[in-house]
Amino acid sequence: RLTATGRAALGEADLAPRVRANMP
């Protein structure tokens, strides 16, 4: 599972909205 650091890194990379929506 992701750590808090992993979740923060994902958010900083601005990937979170696209990942959650599972869109290309």
PDB file of all heavy atoms in Angstrom:
ATOM      1  N   ARG A   1       0.856  -1.180   0.000  1.00  0.00           N
ATOM      2  CA  ARG A   1       0.000   0.000   0.000  1.00  0.00           C
ATOM      3  C   ARG A   1       0.894   1.233   0.000  1.00  0.00           C
ATOM      4  O   ARG A   1       2.063   1.174   0.401  1.00  0.00           O
ATOM      5  CB  ARG A   1      -0.971   0.019   1.168  1.00  0.00           C
ATOM      6  CG  ARG A   1      -0.350   0.249   2.519  1.00  0.00           C
ATOM      7  CD  ARG A   1      -1.428   0.318   3.574  1.00  0.00           C
ATOM      8  NE  ARG A   1      -0.829   0.466   4.889  1.00  0.00           N
ATOM      9  CZ  ARG A   1      -1.504   0.436   6.009  1.00  0.00           C
ATOM     10  NH1 ARG A   1      -2.808   0.253   5.994  1.00  0.00           N
ATOM     11  NH2 ARG A   1      -0.897   0.579   7.163  1.00  0.00           N
ATOM     12  N   LEU A   2       0.335   2.355  -0.449  1.00  0.00           N
ATOM     13  CA  LEU A   2       1.093   3.598  -0.484  1.00  0.00           C
ATOM     14  C   LEU A   2       1.328   4.115   0.923  1.00  0.00           C
ATOM     15  O   LEU A   2       0.470   3.984   1.797  1.00  0.00           O
ATOM     16  CB  LEU A   2       0.324   4.669  -1.264  1.00  0.00           C
ATOM     17  CG  LEU A   2       0.291   4.562  -2.768  1.00  0.00           C
ATOM     18  CD1 LEU A   2      -0.589   5.666  -3.346  1.00  0.00           C
ATOM     19  CD2 LEU A   2       1.680   4.641  -3.356  1.00  0.00           C
ATOM     20  N   THR A   3       2.469   4.712   1.135  1.00  0.00           N
ATOM     21  CA  THR A   3       2.739   5.427   2.382  1.00  0.00           C
ATOM     22  C   THR A   3       2.219   6.851   2.226  1.00  0.00           C
ATOM     23  O   THR A   3       1.835   7.274   1.133  1.00  0.00           O
ATOM     24  CB  THR A   3       4.252   5.481   2.666  1.00  0.00           C
ATOM     25  OG1 THR A   3       4.878   6.214   1.607  1.00  0.00           O
ATOM     26  CG2 THR A   3       4.861   4.093   2.791  1.00  0.00           C
ATOM     27  N   ALA A   4       2.237   7.614   3.295  1.00  0.00           N
ATOM     28  CA  ALA A   4       1.871   9.031   3.213  1.00  0.00           C
ATOM     29  C   ALA A   4       2.810   9.749   2.250  1.00  0.00           C
ATOM     30  O   ALA A   4       2.378  10.608   1.465  1.00  0.00           O
ATOM     31  CB  ALA A   4       1.924   9.663   4.602  1.00  0.00           C
ATOM     32  N   THR A   5       4.079   9.385   2.272  1.00  0.00           N
ATOM     33  CA  THR A   5       5.054   9.973   1.349  1.00  0.00           C
ATOM     34  C   THR A   5       4.698   9.628  -0.090  1.00  0.00           C
ATOM     35  O   THR A   5       4.793  10.474  -0.980  1.00  0.00           O
ATOM     36  CB  THR A   5       6.477   9.473   1.684  1.00  0.00           C
ATOM     37  OG1 THR A   5       6.763   9.794   3.045  1.00  0.00           O
ATOM     38  CG2 THR A   5       7.511  10.086   0.773  1.00  0.00           C
ATOM     39  N   GLY A   6       4.274   8.403  -0.337  1.00  0.00           N
ATOM     40  CA  GLY A   6       3.873   7.982  -1.672  1.00  0.00           C
ATOM     41  C   GLY A   6       2.652   8.737  -2.163  1.00  0.00           C
ATOM     42  O   GLY A   6       2.594   9.163  -3.319  1.00  0.00           O
ATOM     43  N   ARG A   7       1.671   8.923  -1.272  1.00  0.00           N
ATOM     44  CA  ARG A   7       0.476   9.686  -1.650  1.00  0.00           C
ATOM     45  C   ARG A   7       0.838  11.132  -1.953  1.00  0.00           C
ATOM     46  O   ARG A   7       0.334  11.718  -2.908  1.00  0.00           O
ATOM     47  CB  ARG A   7      -0.583   9.603  -0.556  1.00  0.00           C
ATOM     48  CG  ARG A   7      -1.270   8.241  -0.501  1.00  0.00           C
ATOM     49  CD  ARG A   7      -2.456   8.240   0.435  1.00  0.00           C
ATOM     50  NE  ARG A   7      -2.103   8.511   1.819  1.00  0.00           N
ATOM     51  CZ  ARG A   7      -1.654   7.605   2.682  1.00  0.00           C
ATOM     52  NH1 ARG A   7      -1.522   6.355   2.295  1.00  0.00           N
ATOM     53  NH2 ARG A   7      -1.359   7.939   3.914  1.00  0.00           N
ATOM     54  N   ALA A   8       1.737  11.708  -1.149  1.00  0.00           N
ATOM     55  CA  ALA A   8       2.173  13.086  -1.387  1.00  0.00           C
ATOM     56  C   ALA A   8       2.922  13.201  -2.712  1.00  0.00           C
ATOM     57  O   ALA A   8       2.712  14.144  -3.471  1.00  0.00           O
ATOM     58  CB  ALA A   8       3.055  13.566  -0.232  1.00  0.00           C
ATOM     59  N   ALA A   9       3.793  12.229  -3.003  1.00  0.00           N
ATOM     60  CA  ALA A   9       4.542  12.253  -4.258  1.00  0.00           C
ATOM     61  C   ALA A   9       3.598  12.149  -5.449  1.00  0.00           C
ATOM     62  O   ALA A   9       3.790  12.819  -6.464  1.00  0.00           O
ATOM     63  CB  ALA A   9       5.565  11.125  -4.291  1.00  0.00           C
ATOM     64  N   LEU A  10       2.584  11.340  -5.329  1.00  0.00           N
ATOM     65  CA  LEU A  10       1.607  11.189  -6.398  1.00  0.00           C
ATOM     66  C   LEU A  10       0.869  12.506  -6.619  1.00  0.00           C
ATOM     67  O   LEU A  10       0.675  12.934  -7.754  1.00  0.00           O
ATOM     68  CB  LEU A  10       0.623  10.071  -6.052  1.00  0.00           C
ATOM     69  CG  LEU A  10      -0.336   9.637  -7.128  1.00  0.00           C
ATOM     70  CD1 LEU A  10       0.417   9.087  -8.326  1.00  0.00           C
ATOM     71  CD2 LEU A  10      -1.268   8.585  -6.582  1.00  0.00           C
ATOM     72  N   GLY A  11       0.503  13.161  -5.529  1.00  0.00           N
ATOM     73  CA  GLY A  11      -0.176  14.452  -5.631  1.00  0.00           C
ATOM     74  C   GLY A  11       0.726  15.532  -6.204  1.00  0.00           C
ATOM     75  O   GLY A  11       0.300  16.340  -7.026  1.00  0.00           O
ATOM     76  N   GLU A  12       1.994  15.544  -5.793  1.00  0.00           N
ATOM     77  CA  GLU A  12       2.939  16.534  -6.296  1.00  0.00           C
ATOM     78  C   GLU A  12       3.192  16.353  -7.784  1.00  0.00           C
ATOM     79  O   GLU A  12       3.458  17.318  -8.496  1.00  0.00           O
ATOM     80  CB  GLU A  12       4.263  16.449  -5.538  1.00  0.00           C
ATOM     81  CG  GLU A  12       4.174  16.956  -4.125  1.00  0.00           C
ATOM     82  CD  GLU A  12       5.431  16.674  -3.326  1.00  0.00           C
ATOM     83  OE1 GLU A  12       6.448  16.273  -3.925  1.00  0.00           O
ATOM     84  OE2 GLU A  12       5.388  16.864  -2.108  1.00  0.00           O
ATOM     85  N   ALA A  13       3.111  15.131  -8.262  1.00  0.00           N
ATOM     86  CA  ALA A  13       3.332  14.876  -9.683  1.00  0.00           C
ATOM     87  C   ALA A  13       2.095  15.243 -10.496  1.00  0.00           C
ATOM     88  O   ALA A  13       2.087  15.107 -11.710  1.00  0.00           O
ATOM     89  CB  ALA A  13       3.695  13.412  -9.892  1.00  0.00           C
ATOM     90  N   ASP A  14       1.052  15.710  -9.807  1.00  0.00           N
ATOM     91  CA  ASP A  14      -0.194  16.101 -10.448  1.00  0.00           C
ATOM     92  C   ASP A  14      -0.807  14.947 -11.238  1.00  0.00           C
ATOM     93  O   ASP A  14      -1.421  15.143 -12.273  1.00  0.00           O
ATOM     94  CB  ASP A  14      -0.003  17.329 -11.331  1.00  0.00           C
ATOM     95  CG  ASP A  14      -1.335  18.009 -11.645  1.00  0.00           C
ATOM     96  OD1 ASP A  14      -2.284  17.846 -10.860  1.00  0.00           O
ATOM     97  OD2 ASP A  14      -1.423  18.683 -12.680  1.00  0.00           O
ATOM     98  N   LEU A  15      -0.584  13.729 -10.753  1.00  0.00           N
ATOM     99  CA  LEU A  15      -1.151  12.556 -11.397  1.00  0.00           C
ATOM    100  C   LEU A  15      -2.433  12.103 -10.723  1.00  0.00           C
ATOM    101  O   LEU A  15      -3.204  11.364 -11.313  1.00  0.00           O
ATOM    102  CB  LEU A  15      -0.155  11.392 -11.362  1.00  0.00           C
ATOM    103  CG  LEU A  15       1.143  11.592 -12.108  1.00  0.00           C
ATOM    104  CD1 LEU A  15       2.080  10.419 -11.829  1.00  0.00           C
ATOM    105  CD2 LEU A  15       0.892  11.721 -13.579  1.00  0.00           C
ATOM    106  N   ALA A  16      -2.651  12.542  -9.500  1.00  0.00           N
ATOM    107  CA  ALA A  16      -3.768  12.021  -8.724  1.00  0.00           C
ATOM    108  C   ALA A  16      -5.118  12.154  -9.419  1.00  0.00           C
ATOM    109  O   ALA A  16      -5.868  11.176  -9.479  1.00  0.00           O
ATOM    110  CB  ALA A  16      -3.797  12.674  -7.342  1.00  0.00           C
ATOM    111  N   PRO A  17      -5.495  13.314  -9.984  1.00  0.00           N
ATOM    112  CA  PRO A  17      -6.812  13.383 -10.619  1.00  0.00           C
ATOM    113  C   PRO A  17      -6.945  12.421 -11.798  1.00  0.00           C
ATOM    114  O   PRO A  17      -7.964  11.756 -11.952  1.00  0.00           O
ATOM    115  CB  PRO A  17      -6.902  14.837 -11.095  1.00  0.00           C
ATOM    116  CG  PRO A  17      -5.939  15.578 -10.243  1.00  0.00           C
ATOM    117  CD  PRO A  17      -4.826  14.601  -9.946  1.00  0.00           C
ATOM    118  N   ARG A  18      -5.905  12.302 -12.615  1.00  0.00           N
ATOM    119  CA  ARG A  18      -5.955  11.418 -13.779  1.00  0.00           C
ATOM    120  C   ARG A  18      -5.982   9.962 -13.334  1.00  0.00           C
ATOM    121  O   ARG A  18      -6.693   9.147 -13.905  1.00  0.00           O
ATOM    122  CB  ARG A  18      -4.758  11.690 -14.683  1.00  0.00           C
ATOM    123  CG  ARG A  18      -4.879  11.052 -16.028  1.00  0.00           C
ATOM    124  CD  ARG A  18      -3.719  11.411 -16.887  1.00  0.00           C
ATOM    125  NE  ARG A  18      -2.532  11.320 -16.052  1.00  0.00           N
ATOM    126  CZ  ARG A  18      -1.353  11.768 -16.374  1.00  0.00           C
ATOM    127  NH1 ARG A  18      -1.146  12.333 -17.489  1.00  0.00           N
ATOM    128  NH2 ARG A  18      -0.332  11.652 -15.570  1.00  0.00           N
ATOM    129  N   VAL A  19      -5.214   9.632 -12.294  1.00  0.00           N
ATOM    130  CA  VAL A  19      -5.179   8.259 -11.794  1.00  0.00           C
ATOM    131  C   VAL A  19      -6.529   7.875 -11.224  1.00  0.00           C
ATOM    132  O   VAL A  19      -7.055   6.804 -11.510  1.00  0.00           O
ATOM    133  CB  VAL A  19      -4.066   8.099 -10.732  1.00  0.00           C
ATOM    134  CG1 VAL A  19      -4.246   6.834  -9.949  1.00  0.00           C
ATOM    135  CG2 VAL A  19      -2.713   8.150 -11.404  1.00  0.00           C
ATOM    136  N   ARG A  20      -7.105   8.746 -10.420  1.00  0.00           N
ATOM    137  CA  ARG A  20      -8.403   8.436  -9.817  1.00  0.00           C
ATOM    138  C   ARG A  20      -9.476   8.257 -10.884  1.00  0.00           C
ATOM    139  O   ARG A  20     -10.361   7.437 -10.765  1.00  0.00           O
ATOM    140  CB  ARG A  20      -8.801   9.536  -8.833  1.00  0.00           C
ATOM    141  CG  ARG A  20      -7.995   9.465  -7.563  1.00  0.00           C
ATOM    142  CD  ARG A  20      -8.537  10.394  -6.501  1.00  0.00           C
ATOM    143  NE  ARG A  20      -7.535  10.557  -5.492  1.00  0.00           N
ATOM    144  CZ  ARG A  20      -6.781  11.637  -5.318  1.00  0.00           C
ATOM    145  NH1 ARG A  20      -6.963  12.691  -6.074  1.00  0.00           N
ATOM    146  NH2 ARG A  20      -5.874  11.694  -4.374  1.00  0.00           N
ATOM    147  N   ALA A  21      -9.398   9.040 -11.927  1.00  0.00           N
ATOM    148  CA  ALA A  21     -10.382   8.933 -12.996  1.00  0.00           C
ATOM    149  C   ALA A  21     -10.045   7.792 -13.945  1.00  0.00           C
ATOM    150  O   ALA A  21     -10.850   7.435 -14.793  1.00  0.00           O
ATOM    151  CB  ALA A  21     -10.448  10.242 -13.769  1.00  0.00           C
ATOM    152  N   ASN A  22      -8.828   7.251 -13.814  1.00  0.00           N
ATOM    153  CA  ASN A  22      -8.361   6.155 -14.670  1.00  0.00           C
ATOM    154  C   ASN A  22      -8.459   6.532 -16.147  1.00  0.00           C
ATOM    155  O   ASN A  22      -8.905   5.757 -16.974  1.00  0.00           O
ATOM    156  CB  ASN A  22      -9.131   4.868 -14.383  1.00  0.00           C
ATOM    157  CG  ASN A  22      -8.408   3.655 -14.914  1.00  0.00           C
ATOM    158  OD1 ASN A  22      -7.204   3.688 -15.153  1.00  0.00           O
ATOM    159  ND2 ASN A  22      -9.135   2.582 -15.109  1.00  0.00           N
ATOM    160  N   MET A  23      -8.025   7.759 -16.425  1.00  0.00           N
ATOM    161  CA  MET A  23      -8.072   8.261 -17.789  1.00  0.00           C
ATOM    162  C   MET A  23      -6.669   8.392 -18.344  1.00  0.00           C
ATOM    163  O   MET A  23      -5.739   8.730 -17.624  1.00  0.00           O
ATOM    164  CB  MET A  23      -8.752   9.635 -17.823  1.00  0.00           C
ATOM    165  CG  MET A  23     -10.206   9.604 -17.411  1.00  0.00           C
ATOM    166  SD  MET A  23     -10.918  11.247 -17.297  1.00  0.00           S
ATOM    167  CE  MET A  23     -10.655  11.861 -18.941  1.00  0.00           C
ATOM    168  N   PRO A  24      -6.519   8.192 -19.648  1.00  0.00           N
ATOM    169  CA  PRO A  24      -5.200   8.391 -20.261  1.00  0.00           C
ATOM    170  C   PRO A  24      -4.848   9.862 -20.307  1.00  0.00           C
ATOM    171  O   PRO A  24      -5.713  10.726 -20.260  1.00  0.00           O
ATOM    172  CB  PRO A  24      -5.376   7.830 -21.670  1.00  0.00           C
ATOM    173  CG  PRO A  24      -6.834   7.922 -21.932  1.00  0.00           C
ATOM    174  CD  PRO A  24      -7.515   7.768 -20.593  1.00  0.00           C
TER     175      PRO A  24
END
